[in-house]
PDB file of N, CA and C in Angstrom:
ATOM      1  N   ASP A   1      -8.464  -2.132   4.670  1.00  0.00           N
ATOM      2  CA  ASP A   1      -6.532  -1.759   4.406  1.00  0.00           C
ATOM      3  C   ASP A   1      -7.293  -3.200   4.691  1.00  0.00           C
ATOM      4  N   VAL A   2      -6.431  -3.671   3.375  1.00  0.00           N
ATOM      5  CA  VAL A   2      -6.140  -4.803   4.283  1.00  0.00           C
ATOM      6  C   VAL A   2      -4.628  -5.321   3.330  1.00  0.00           C
ATOM      7  N   HIS A   3      -4.411  -5.676   4.937  1.00  0.00           N
ATOM      8  CA  HIS A   3      -3.481  -6.566   5.617  1.00  0.00           C
ATOM      9  C   HIS A   3      -2.539  -7.781   4.383  1.00  0.00           C
ATOM     10  N   ALA A   4      -2.341  -7.856   3.922  1.00  0.00           N
ATOM     11  CA  ALA A   4      -2.599  -9.708   2.837  1.00  0.00           C
ATOM     12  C   ALA A   4      -1.317  -9.184   2.553  1.00  0.00           C
ATOM     13  N   GLU A   5      -0.225 -10.643   2.108  1.00  0.00           N
ATOM     14  CA  GLU A   5       0.992 -11.159   1.408  1.00  0.00           C
ATOM     15  C   GLU A   5      -0.048 -11.081  -0.427  1.00  0.00           C
ATOM     16  N   THR A   6      -0.372 -11.598  -0.640  1.00  0.00           N
ATOM     17  CA  THR A   6      -0.542 -11.885  -1.888  1.00  0.00           C
ATOM     18  C   THR A   6      -1.282 -10.664  -3.294  1.00  0.00           C
ATOM     19  N   THR A   7      -1.705 -10.017  -4.051  1.00  0.00           N
ATOM     20  CA  THR A   7      -2.019  -9.362  -4.538  1.00  0.00           C
ATOM     21  C   THR A   7      -3.425 -10.400  -5.231  1.00  0.00           C
ATOM     22  N   SER A   8      -3.877 -11.606  -5.139  1.00  0.00           N
ATOM     23  CA  SER A   8      -4.597 -12.403  -5.466  1.00  0.00           C
ATOM     24  C   SER A   8      -5.750 -11.769  -4.987  1.00  0.00           C
ATOM     25  N   GLU A   9      -5.444 -12.303  -3.364  1.00  0.00           N
ATOM     26  CA  GLU A   9      -6.425 -11.627  -1.976  1.00  0.00           C
ATOM     27  C   GLU A   9      -6.625 -11.178  -2.189  1.00  0.00           C
ATOM     28  N   LYS A  10      -6.034  -9.628  -2.354  1.00  0.00           N
ATOM     29  CA  LYS A  10      -6.604  -8.255  -2.481  1.00  0.00           C
ATOM     30  C   LYS A  10      -7.343  -8.158  -3.330  1.00  0.00           C
ATOM     31  N   LEU A  11      -7.277  -8.173  -3.874  1.00  0.00           N
ATOM     32  CA  LEU A  11      -8.267  -8.419  -5.749  1.00  0.00           C
ATOM     33  C   LEU A  11      -9.390  -8.664  -5.594  1.00  0.00           C
ATOM     34  N   ALA A  12      -8.665 -10.356  -4.507  1.00  0.00           N
ATOM     35  CA  ALA A  12     -10.205 -11.388  -4.536  1.00  0.00           C
ATOM     36  C   ALA A  12     -11.916 -10.442  -3.323  1.00  0.00           C
ATOM     37  N   LEU A  13     -11.221  -9.468  -2.448  1.00  0.00           N
ATOM     38  CA  LEU A  13     -12.005  -9.057  -1.447  1.00  0.00           C
ATOM     39  C   LEU A  13     -12.218  -7.322  -2.408  1.00  0.00           C
ATOM     40  N   ALA A  14     -11.005  -6.777  -2.943  1.00  0.00           N
ATOM     41  CA  ALA A  14     -12.420  -6.225  -3.670  1.00  0.00           C
ATOM     42  C   ALA A  14     -13.341  -6.376  -4.419  1.00  0.00           C
ATOM     43  N   ARG A  15     -13.221  -7.337  -5.258  1.00  0.00           N
ATOM     44  CA  ARG A  15     -14.299  -7.727  -5.692  1.00  0.00           C
ATOM     45  C   ARG A  15     -15.509  -8.106  -5.495  1.00  0.00           C
ATOM     46  N   TYR A  16     -15.455  -9.443  -4.227  1.00  0.00           N
ATOM     47  CA  TYR A  16     -16.528  -9.730  -3.490  1.00  0.00           C
ATOM     48  C   TYR A  16     -17.266  -7.842  -2.985  1.00  0.00           C
ATOM     49  N   PHE A  17     -16.771  -7.504  -2.043  1.00  0.00           N
ATOM     50  CA  PHE A  17     -17.260  -6.006  -1.690  1.00  0.00           C
ATOM     51  C   PHE A  17     -17.616  -5.406  -2.729  1.00  0.00           C
ATOM     52  N   ASP A  18     -16.803  -5.212  -4.103  1.00  0.00           N
ATOM     53  CA  ASP A  18     -17.507  -3.895  -5.093  1.00  0.00           C
ATOM     54  C   ASP A  18     -18.916  -3.432  -5.326  1.00  0.00           C
ATOM     55  N   GLY A  19     -19.130  -2.562  -4.254  1.00  0.00           N
ATOM     56  CA  GLY A  19     -20.328  -1.659  -4.525  1.00  0.00           C
ATOM     57  C   GLY A  19     -20.781  -2.247  -2.991  1.00  0.00           C
ATOM     58  N   LYS A  20     -20.094  -2.536  -1.957  1.00  0.00           N
ATOM     59  CA  LYS A  20     -20.212  -2.402  -0.974  1.00  0.00           C
ATOM     60  C   LYS A  20     -19.792  -1.915   0.248  1.00  0.00           C
ATOM     61  N   LEU A  21     -18.322  -1.199  -0.550  1.00  0.00           N
ATOM     62  CA  LEU A  21     -17.481  -0.464   0.344  1.00  0.00           C
ATOM     63  C   LEU A  21     -17.394   0.746  -1.103  1.00  0.00           C
ATOM     64  N   SER A  22     -17.072   1.824   0.470  1.00  0.00           N
ATOM     65  CA  SER A  22     -16.843   3.054  -0.682  1.00  0.00           C
ATOM     66  C   SER A  22     -15.338   2.875  -1.743  1.00  0.00           C
ATOM     67  N   ALA A  23     -14.046   2.055  -0.380  1.00  0.00           N
ATOM     68  CA  ALA A  23     -13.073   1.610  -1.553  1.00  0.00           C
ATOM     69  C   ALA A  23     -12.085   0.890  -0.239  1.00  0.00           C
ATOM     70  N   LEU A  24     -11.437  -0.082  -1.297  1.00  0.00           N
ATOM     71  CA  LEU A  24     -10.344  -1.186  -0.245  1.00  0.00           C
ATOM     72  C   LEU A  24      -8.890  -0.788  -0.875  1.00  0.00           C
ATOM     73  N   TRP A  25      -8.079  -0.824  -0.100  1.00  0.00           N
ATOM     74  CA  TRP A  25      -6.379  -1.045  -0.437  1.00  0.00           C
ATOM     75  C   TRP A  25      -6.072  -1.624   0.429  1.00  0.00           C
ATOM     76  N   GLY A  26      -5.267  -1.995  -0.692  1.00  0.00           N
ATOM     77  CA  GLY A  26      -3.977  -3.267   0.418  1.00  0.00           C
ATOM     78  C   GLY A  26      -2.625  -1.970   0.891  1.00  0.00           C
ATOM     79  N   THR A  27      -2.221  -3.207   1.979  1.00  0.00           N
ATOM     80  CA  THR A  27      -0.652  -2.644   2.450  1.00  0.00           C
ATOM     81  C   THR A  27       0.073  -3.971   2.861  1.00  0.00           C
ATOM     82  N   HIS A  28       0.951  -3.936   2.850  1.00  0.00           N
ATOM     83  CA  HIS A  28       1.997  -4.842   3.575  1.00  0.00           C
ATOM     84  C   HIS A  28       3.322  -4.735   2.617  1.00  0.00           C
ATOM     85  N   THR A  29       3.070  -5.014   0.992  1.00  0.00           N
ATOM     86  CA  THR A  29       4.522  -4.961   0.801  1.00  0.00           C
ATOM     87  C   THR A  29       5.496  -3.968   0.917  1.00  0.00           C
ATOM     88  N   HIS A  30       4.895  -2.846   0.899  1.00  0.00           N
ATOM     89  CA  HIS A  30       5.488  -1.745   0.412  1.00  0.00           C
ATOM     90  C   HIS A  30       5.815  -1.273  -1.069  1.00  0.00           C
ATOM     91  N   VAL A  31       5.831  -1.539  -1.518  1.00  0.00           N
ATOM     92  CA  VAL A  31       5.030  -1.223  -2.923  1.00  0.00           C
ATOM     93  C   VAL A  31       4.560  -1.048  -3.311  1.00  0.00           C
ATOM     94  N   ALA A  32       4.292   0.829  -3.779  1.00  0.00           N
ATOM     95  CA  ALA A  32       3.568   1.111  -4.405  1.00  0.00           C
ATOM     96  C   ALA A  32       2.828  -0.114  -6.001  1.00  0.00           C
ATOM     97  N   THR A  33       1.588  -0.493  -5.741  1.00  0.00           N
ATOM     98  CA  THR A  33       1.094  -0.472  -7.373  1.00  0.00           C
ATOM     99  C   THR A  33       1.225   0.266  -8.316  1.00  0.00           C
ATOM    100  N   ALA A  34       0.266  -0.204  -9.059  1.00  0.00           N
ATOM    101  CA  ALA A  34      -0.162   0.546 -10.277  1.00  0.00           C
ATOM    102  C   ALA A  34      -0.950   0.480 -11.068  1.00  0.00           C
ATOM    103  N   ASP A  35      -2.688   0.076 -10.334  1.00  0.00           N
ATOM    104  CA  ASP A  35      -3.249  -0.241 -10.439  1.00  0.00           C
ATOM    105  C   ASP A  35      -5.255   0.212  -9.259  1.00  0.00           C
ATOM    106  N   LEU A  36      -4.284   1.362  -9.772  1.00  0.00           N
ATOM    107  CA  LEU A  36      -5.758   2.495  -8.693  1.00  0.00           C
ATOM    108  C   LEU A  36      -6.557   2.094  -9.713  1.00  0.00           C
ATOM    109  N   GLN A  37      -7.844   1.642  -9.640  1.00  0.00           N
ATOM    110  CA  GLN A  37      -9.224   2.170 -10.288  1.00  0.00           C
ATOM    111  C   GLN A  37     -10.334   2.389  -9.191  1.00  0.00           C
ATOM    112  N   ILE A  38     -11.606   2.248  -9.705  1.00  0.00           N
ATOM    113  CA  ILE A  38     -13.260   2.540  -9.409  1.00  0.00           C
ATOM    114  C   ILE A  38     -13.811   1.157 -10.169  1.00  0.00           C
ATOM    115  N   LEU A  39     -13.802   0.344  -9.197  1.00  0.00           N
ATOM    116  CA  LEU A  39     -14.428  -0.832 -10.523  1.00  0.00           C
ATOM    117  C   LEU A  39     -15.896  -0.702 -10.226  1.00  0.00           C
ATOM    118  N   PRO A  40     -16.242  -1.307 -10.825  1.00  0.00           N
ATOM    119  CA  PRO A  40     -18.167  -1.486 -11.407  1.00  0.00           C
ATOM    120  C   PRO A  40     -19.116  -1.560 -10.377  1.00  0.00           C
ATOM    121  N   GLY A  41     -18.265  -1.612  -9.053  1.00  0.00           N
ATOM    122  CA  GLY A  41     -20.129  -1.228  -8.462  1.00  0.00           C
ATOM    123  C   GLY A  41     -19.289   0.323  -7.851  1.00  0.00           C
ATOM    124  N   GLY A  42     -18.622   0.361  -8.105  1.00  0.00           N
ATOM    125  CA  GLY A  42     -18.043   2.214  -7.627  1.00  0.00           C
ATOM    126  C   GLY A  42     -17.146   2.232  -6.776  1.00  0.00           C
ATOM    127  N   THR A  43     -16.044   1.091  -5.955  1.00  0.00           N
ATOM    128  CA  THR A  43     -15.902   0.630  -4.707  1.00  0.00           C
ATOM    129  C   THR A  43     -13.611   1.325  -5.264  1.00  0.00           C
ATOM    130  N   GLY A  44     -13.603   2.207  -4.628  1.00  0.00           N
ATOM    131  CA  GLY A  44     -12.126   2.569  -5.546  1.00  0.00           C
ATOM    132  C   GLY A  44     -11.322   1.644  -4.897  1.00  0.00           C
ATOM    133  N   TYR A  45     -10.042   1.314  -5.274  1.00  0.00           N
ATOM    134  CA  TYR A  45      -9.223  -0.258  -5.107  1.00  0.00           C
ATOM    135  C   TYR A  45      -7.805   0.117  -5.211  1.00  0.00           C
ATOM    136  N   ILE A  46      -6.581  -0.438  -4.933  1.00  0.00           N
ATOM    137  CA  ILE A  46      -5.611  -0.357  -4.973  1.00  0.00           C
ATOM    138  C   ILE A  46      -4.865  -1.238  -4.430  1.00  0.00           C
ATOM    139  N   THR A  47      -3.707  -2.110  -5.242  1.00  0.00           N
ATOM    140  CA  THR A  47      -3.791  -3.330  -4.309  1.00  0.00           C
ATOM    141  C   THR A  47      -2.545  -3.332  -3.072  1.00  0.00           C
ATOM    142  N   ASP A  48      -1.947  -1.964  -3.367  1.00  0.00           N
ATOM    143  CA  ASP A  48      -0.834  -1.509  -2.273  1.00  0.00           C
ATOM    144  C   ASP A  48       0.031  -0.103  -2.416  1.00  0.00           C
ATOM    145  N   LEU A  49      -0.625   0.253  -1.487  1.00  0.00           N
ATOM    146  CA  LEU A  49      -0.685   1.885  -1.158  1.00  0.00           C
ATOM    147  C   LEU A  49       0.963   2.152  -1.072  1.00  0.00           C
ATOM    148  N   GLY A  50       1.676   1.211  -1.259  1.00  0.00           N
ATOM    149  CA  GLY A  50       3.122   1.535  -0.961  1.00  0.00           C
ATOM    150  C   GLY A  50       3.557   1.933   0.589  1.00  0.00           C
ATOM    151  N   MET A  51       4.782   2.703   0.548  1.00  0.00           N
ATOM    152  CA  MET A  51       5.108   2.883   1.997  1.00  0.00           C
ATOM    153  C   MET A  51       5.663   4.695   2.069  1.00  0.00           C
ATOM    154  N   CYS A  52       5.348   5.093   3.619  1.00  0.00           N
ATOM    155  CA  CYS A  52       6.405   6.710   3.668  1.00  0.00           C
ATOM    156  C   CYS A  52       7.362   6.250   4.790  1.00  0.00           C
ATOM    157  N   GLY A  53       8.410   6.681   4.013  1.00  0.00           N
ATOM    158  CA  GLY A  53       9.372   6.312   5.189  1.00  0.00           C
ATOM    159  C   GLY A  53      10.540   6.247   4.079  1.00  0.00           C
ATOM    160  N   SER A  54      11.718   5.782   4.574  1.00  0.00           N
ATOM    161  CA  SER A  54      12.669   6.392   3.532  1.00  0.00           C
ATOM    162  C   SER A  54      13.291   4.665   3.089  1.00  0.00           C
ATOM    163  N   HIS A  55      14.027   5.379   2.215  1.00  0.00           N
ATOM    164  CA  HIS A  55      13.667   4.500   0.303  1.00  0.00           C
ATOM    165  C   HIS A  55      14.950   3.663   0.052  1.00  0.00           C
ATOM    166  N   GLY A  56      16.030   4.269   1.709  1.00  0.00           N
ATOM    167  CA  GLY A  56      16.960   4.281   1.093  1.00  0.00           C
ATOM    168  C   GLY A  56      17.667   2.730   2.102  1.00  0.00           C
ATOM    169  N   GLY A  57      16.922   1.546   2.203  1.00  0.00           N
ATOM    170  CA  GLY A  57      16.976   0.870   2.856  1.00  0.00           C
ATOM    171  C   GLY A  57      15.789  -0.633   2.159  1.00  0.00           C
ATOM    172  N   ILE A  58      16.475  -1.107   3.351  1.00  0.00           N
ATOM    173  CA  ILE A  58      15.354  -2.458   2.458  1.00  0.00           C
ATOM    174  C   ILE A  58      14.112  -2.759   3.398  1.00  0.00           C
ATOM    175  N   PRO A  59      12.451  -2.309   2.359  1.00  0.00           N
ATOM    176  CA  PRO A  59      11.026  -1.449   3.233  1.00  0.00           C
ATOM    177  C   PRO A  59      11.557  -1.014   4.379  1.00  0.00           C
ATOM    178  N   GLY A  60      12.099   0.406   4.441  1.00  0.00           N
ATOM    179  CA  GLY A  60      12.016   1.206   5.482  1.00  0.00           C
ATOM    180  C   GLY A  60      13.521   0.958   6.831  1.00  0.00           C
ATOM    181  N   GLY A  61      14.033   0.091   6.530  1.00  0.00           N
ATOM    182  CA  GLY A  61      15.108  -0.511   7.265  1.00  0.00           C
ATOM    183  C   GLY A  61      16.427  -0.228   7.089  1.00  0.00           C
ATOM    184  N   LYS A  62      17.166  -0.171   7.687  1.00  0.00           N
ATOM    185  CA  LYS A  62      19.109  -0.705   7.274  1.00  0.00           C
ATOM    186  C   LYS A  62      19.220  -1.370   6.651  1.00  0.00           C
ATOM    187  N   THR A  63      19.604  -1.725   5.790  1.00  0.00           N
ATOM    188  CA  THR A  63      20.352  -2.733   4.601  1.00  0.00           C
ATOM    189  C   THR A  63      21.323  -3.857   4.777  1.00  0.00           C
ATOM    190  N   GLU A  64      21.983  -3.407   5.790  1.00  0.00           N
ATOM    191  CA  GLU A  64      22.982  -4.294   6.930  1.00  0.00           C
ATOM    192  C   GLU A  64      22.142  -4.968   7.844  1.00  0.00           C
ATOM    193  N   ALA A  65      21.409  -4.610   8.764  1.00  0.00           N
ATOM    194  CA  ALA A  65      20.530  -4.678   8.990  1.00  0.00           C
ATOM    195  C   ALA A  65      19.502  -5.951   9.181  1.00  0.00           C
ATOM    196  N   ILE A  66      18.828  -6.193   8.040  1.00  0.00           N
ATOM    197  CA  ILE A  66      18.262  -6.385   7.114  1.00  0.00           C
ATOM    198  C   ILE A  66      18.644  -7.752   6.895  1.00  0.00           C
ATOM    199  N   LEU A  67      20.055  -7.457   6.019  1.00  0.00           N
ATOM    200  CA  LEU A  67      20.322  -8.686   5.662  1.00  0.00           C
ATOM    201  C   LEU A  67      21.394  -9.382   5.980  1.00  0.00           C
ATOM    202  N   HIS A  68      21.434  -9.162   7.161  1.00  0.00           N
ATOM    203  CA  HIS A  68      22.048  -9.972   8.400  1.00  0.00           C
ATOM    204  C   HIS A  68      21.176 -10.914   8.999  1.00  0.00           C
ATOM    205  N   LYS A  69      19.476  -9.967   8.936  1.00  0.00           N
ATOM    206  CA  LYS A  69      18.531 -11.417   9.241  1.00  0.00           C
ATOM    207  C   LYS A  69      18.022 -12.746   8.631  1.00  0.00           C
ATOM    208  N   TYR A  70      18.684 -11.742   7.290  1.00  0.00           N
ATOM    209  CA  TYR A  70      18.300 -12.884   5.787  1.00  0.00           C
ATOM    210  C   TYR A  70      18.672 -14.116   6.267  1.00  0.00           C
ATOM    211  N   LEU A  71      20.159 -13.834   5.888  1.00  0.00           N
ATOM    212  CA  LEU A  71      21.528 -14.541   6.489  1.00  0.00           C
ATOM    213  C   LEU A  71      21.898 -15.243   6.921  1.00  0.00           C
ATOM    214  N   VAL A  72      21.522 -14.457   8.864  1.00  0.00           N
ATOM    215  CA  VAL A  72      21.810 -15.411   9.425  1.00  0.00           C
ATOM    216  C   VAL A  72      21.009 -16.038  11.110  1.00  0.00           C
ATOM    217  N   LYS A  73      19.763 -15.095  10.388  1.00  0.00           N
ATOM    218  CA  LYS A  73      18.778 -15.615  11.501  1.00  0.00           C
ATOM    219  C   LYS A  73      18.637 -15.734  12.335  1.00  0.00           C
ATOM    220  N   PRO A  74      19.688 -14.600  12.611  1.00  0.00           N
ATOM    221  CA  PRO A  74      18.892 -14.207  14.441  1.00  0.00           C
ATOM    222  C   PRO A  74      18.191 -12.980  14.658  1.00  0.00           C
ATOM    223  N   PRO A  75      17.524 -12.327  16.107  1.00  0.00           N
ATOM    224  CA  PRO A  75      16.673 -11.925  15.980  1.00  0.00           C
ATOM    225  C   PRO A  75      16.834 -10.456  16.060  1.00  0.00           C
ATOM    226  N   VAL A  76      17.470  -9.897  15.423  1.00  0.00           N
ATOM    227  CA  VAL A  76      17.846  -8.475  14.608  1.00  0.00           C
ATOM    228  C   VAL A  76      16.969  -7.026  15.610  1.00  0.00           C
ATOM    229  N   GLN A  77      17.834  -6.191  15.916  1.00  0.00           N
ATOM    230  CA  GLN A  77      16.852  -4.883  16.255  1.00  0.00           C
ATOM    231  C   GLN A  77      16.339  -4.014  14.897  1.00  0.00           C
ATOM    232  N   PHE A  78      15.530  -3.767  14.905  1.00  0.00           N
ATOM    233  CA  PHE A  78      15.230  -3.347  13.455  1.00  0.00           C
ATOM    234  C   PHE A  78      15.679  -1.396  13.795  1.00  0.00           C
ATOM    235  N   GLU A  79      16.451  -1.003  12.599  1.00  0.00           N
ATOM    236  CA  GLU A  79      16.785   0.527  12.382  1.00  0.00           C
ATOM    237  C   GLU A  79      16.007   0.712  11.760  1.00  0.00           C
ATOM    238  N   PRO A  80      15.513   1.730  11.480  1.00  0.00           N
ATOM    239  CA  PRO A  80      15.169   2.750  10.291  1.00  0.00           C
ATOM    240  C   PRO A  80      16.455   2.714   9.477  1.00  0.00           C
ATOM    241  N   ALA A  81      16.485   3.060   8.043  1.00  0.00           N
ATOM    242  CA  ALA A  81      16.775   3.966   7.344  1.00  0.00           C
ATOM    243  C   ALA A  81      17.378   5.126   6.836  1.00  0.00           C
ATOM    244  N   GLU A  82      17.791   5.741   6.429  1.00  0.00           N
ATOM    245  CA  GLU A  82      17.741   6.853   6.560  1.00  0.00           C
ATOM    246  C   GLU A  82      18.265   7.196   5.214  1.00  0.00           C
ATOM    247  N   GLY A  83      17.710   8.441   4.548  1.00  0.00           N
ATOM    248  CA  GLY A  83      17.620   9.264   3.123  1.00  0.00           C
ATOM    249  C   GLY A  83      16.467   9.130   2.590  1.00  0.00           C
ATOM    250  N   ASP A  84      16.231   9.162   1.268  1.00  0.00           N
ATOM    251  CA  ASP A  84      15.597   8.991   0.138  1.00  0.00           C
ATOM    252  C   ASP A  84      13.715   8.852   0.684  1.00  0.00           C
ATOM    253  N   VAL A  85      13.518  10.063   1.297  1.00  0.00           N
ATOM    254  CA  VAL A  85      12.305   9.692   2.597  1.00  0.00           C
ATOM    255  C   VAL A  85      10.811  10.012   1.193  1.00  0.00           C
ATOM    256  N   GLN A  86       9.825   9.329   0.983  1.00  0.00           N
ATOM    257  CA  GLN A  86       9.030   9.540  -0.104  1.00  0.00           C
ATOM    258  C   GLN A  86       7.787   9.109   0.292  1.00  0.00           C
ATOM    259  N   ILE A  87       6.997   9.154   0.249  1.00  0.00           N
ATOM    260  CA  ILE A  87       5.585   9.369   0.819  1.00  0.00           C
ATOM    261  C   ILE A  87       4.887   9.061  -0.012  1.00  0.00           C
ATOM    262  N   HIS A  88       3.876   7.633  -0.010  1.00  0.00           N
ATOM    263  CA  HIS A  88       3.693   6.652  -1.360  1.00  0.00           C
ATOM    264  C   HIS A  88       1.777   6.770  -0.371  1.00  0.00           C
ATOM    265  N   GLY A  89       0.674   7.076  -1.756  1.00  0.00           N
ATOM    266  CA  GLY A  89      -0.430   6.300  -1.153  1.00  0.00           C
ATOM    267  C   GLY A  89      -1.788   6.529  -2.300  1.00  0.00           C
ATOM    268  N   ALA A  90      -2.966   7.041  -1.297  1.00  0.00           N
ATOM    269  CA  ALA A  90      -3.599   7.341  -2.816  1.00  0.00           C
ATOM    270  C   ALA A  90      -4.777   8.333  -2.000  1.00  0.00           C
ATOM    271  N   VAL A  91      -5.511   8.960  -2.322  1.00  0.00           N
ATOM    272  CA  VAL A  91      -7.121  10.118  -2.253  1.00  0.00           C
ATOM    273  C   VAL A  91      -8.056   9.037  -3.135  1.00  0.00           C
ATOM    274  N   PHE A  92      -9.645   8.549  -2.514  1.00  0.00           N
ATOM    275  CA  PHE A  92     -10.463   8.355  -2.812  1.00  0.00           C
ATOM    276  C   PHE A  92     -11.403   9.457  -2.770  1.00  0.00           C
ATOM    277  N   THR A  93     -11.717  10.295  -3.293  1.00  0.00           N
ATOM    278  CA  THR A  93     -12.926  10.941  -3.883  1.00  0.00           C
ATOM    279  C   THR A  93     -14.568   9.982  -3.593  1.00  0.00           C
ATOM    280  N   ILE A  94     -14.747  10.357  -2.598  1.00  0.00           N
ATOM    281  CA  ILE A  94     -16.602   9.330  -2.463  1.00  0.00           C
ATOM    282  C   ILE A  94     -17.453  10.630  -2.769  1.00  0.00           C
ATOM    283  N   ASP A  95     -18.763  10.311  -2.761  1.00  0.00           N
ATOM    284  CA  ASP A  95     -19.854  10.788  -3.101  1.00  0.00           C
ATOM    285  C   ASP A  95     -20.702  10.485  -1.960  1.00  0.00           C
ATOM    286  N   PRO A  96     -21.149  11.551  -1.058  1.00  0.00           N
ATOM    287  CA  PRO A  96     -21.751  11.937  -0.466  1.00  0.00           C
ATOM    288  C   PRO A  96     -22.737  11.233  -0.521  1.00  0.00           C
ATOM    289  N   SER A  97     -23.720  11.532  -1.213  1.00  0.00           N
ATOM    290  CA  SER A  97     -25.131  10.678  -1.111  1.00  0.00           C
ATOM    291  C   SER A  97     -25.183   9.068  -1.555  1.00  0.00           C
ATOM    292  N   THR A  98     -24.510   8.650  -2.639  1.00  0.00           N
ATOM    293  CA  THR A  98     -24.339   7.527  -3.122  1.00  0.00           C
ATOM    294  C   THR A  98     -23.089   6.588  -2.419  1.00  0.00           C
ATOM    295  N   LYS A  99     -21.889   6.993  -2.092  1.00  0.00           N
ATOM    296  CA  LYS A  99     -21.042   6.286  -1.086  1.00  0.00           C
ATOM    297  C   LYS A  99     -20.273   5.729  -1.970  1.00  0.00           C
ATOM    298  N   LYS A 100     -20.428   6.237  -3.133  1.00  0.00           N
ATOM    299  CA  LYS A 100     -19.291   5.968  -4.143  1.00  0.00           C
ATOM    300  C   LYS A 100     -18.338   5.751  -4.931  1.00  0.00           C
ATOM    301  N   CYS A 101     -17.698   5.539  -4.557  1.00  0.00           N
ATOM    302  CA  CYS A 101     -15.764   5.857  -5.212  1.00  0.00           C
ATOM    303  C   CYS A 101     -16.421   7.391  -6.463  1.00  0.00           C
ATOM    304  N   THR A 102     -15.909   8.106  -7.028  1.00  0.00           N
ATOM    305  CA  THR A 102     -16.032   9.211  -7.668  1.00  0.00           C
ATOM    306  C   THR A 102     -14.821   9.776  -8.419  1.00  0.00           C
ATOM    307  N   ARG A 103     -13.607   9.214  -7.633  1.00  0.00           N
ATOM    308  CA  ARG A 103     -12.567   9.311  -8.100  1.00  0.00           C
ATOM    309  C   ARG A 103     -11.155   9.094  -7.300  1.00  0.00           C
ATOM    310  N   THR A 104     -10.332   8.459  -8.416  1.00  0.00           N
ATOM    311  CA  THR A 104      -8.858   8.034  -7.345  1.00  0.00           C
ATOM    312  C   THR A 104      -7.320   9.381  -8.055  1.00  0.00           C
ATOM    313  N   GLU A 105      -6.542   9.327  -6.696  1.00  0.00           N
ATOM    314  CA  GLU A 105      -5.662  10.131  -7.148  1.00  0.00           C
ATOM    315  C   GLU A 105      -5.049   8.907  -6.857  1.00  0.00           C
ATOM    316  N   GLN A 106      -3.195   8.946  -7.144  1.00  0.00           N
ATOM    317  CA  GLN A 106      -2.175   7.949  -6.884  1.00  0.00           C
ATOM    318  C   GLN A 106      -1.129   9.275  -6.446  1.00  0.00           C
ATOM    319  N   ILE A 107      -0.539   8.827  -4.892  1.00  0.00           N
ATOM    320  CA  ILE A 107       0.814  10.321  -4.484  1.00  0.00           C
ATOM    321  C   ILE A 107       1.768   9.432  -4.240  1.00  0.00           C
ATOM    322  N   PHE A 108       2.578  10.257  -4.722  1.00  0.00           N
ATOM    323  CA  PHE A 108       3.959   9.739  -4.293  1.00  0.00           C
ATOM    324  C   PHE A 108       4.788  11.345  -4.665  1.00  0.00           C
ATOM    325  N   LEU A 109       5.173  10.790  -3.712  1.00  0.00           N
ATOM    326  CA  LEU A 109       6.131  12.356  -3.111  1.00  0.00           C
ATOM    327  C   LEU A 109       7.764  12.156  -2.365  1.00  0.00           C
ATOM    328  N   LYS A 110       8.656  13.107  -2.400  1.00  0.00           N
ATOM    329  CA  LYS A 110      10.223  13.061  -2.384  1.00  0.00           C
ATOM    330  C   LYS A 110      10.113  13.783  -1.791  1.00  0.00           C
ATOM    331  N   LEU A 111      11.068  14.266  -0.758  1.00  0.00           N
ATOM    332  CA  LEU A 111      10.972  15.046   0.457  1.00  0.00           C
ATOM    333  C   LEU A 111      11.886  15.695   0.370  1.00  0.00           C
TER     334      LEU A 111
END
């Protein structure tokens, strides 16, 4: 899990470790990317898995509280948003003998 801010940081690490890791995925932005793939050396990769939780706010938090934080900047207690619950992720199938990724599948579920 690469909890980095930029997509280029995540992809650079994936390219560097391609063939040395079975899979590498990014997190942090809470937005699922559409670049799920198997790199040439056999490493499964996606820039960001996305998030699991309510998509009814600003990444998982109540809209009003997050906007207040950005506009006024005081400390704000994080309150989970409600509604539009989704699960985002990916499945990487790894060959046990070679330790290489052989298949990928992106997951988007609405509950």
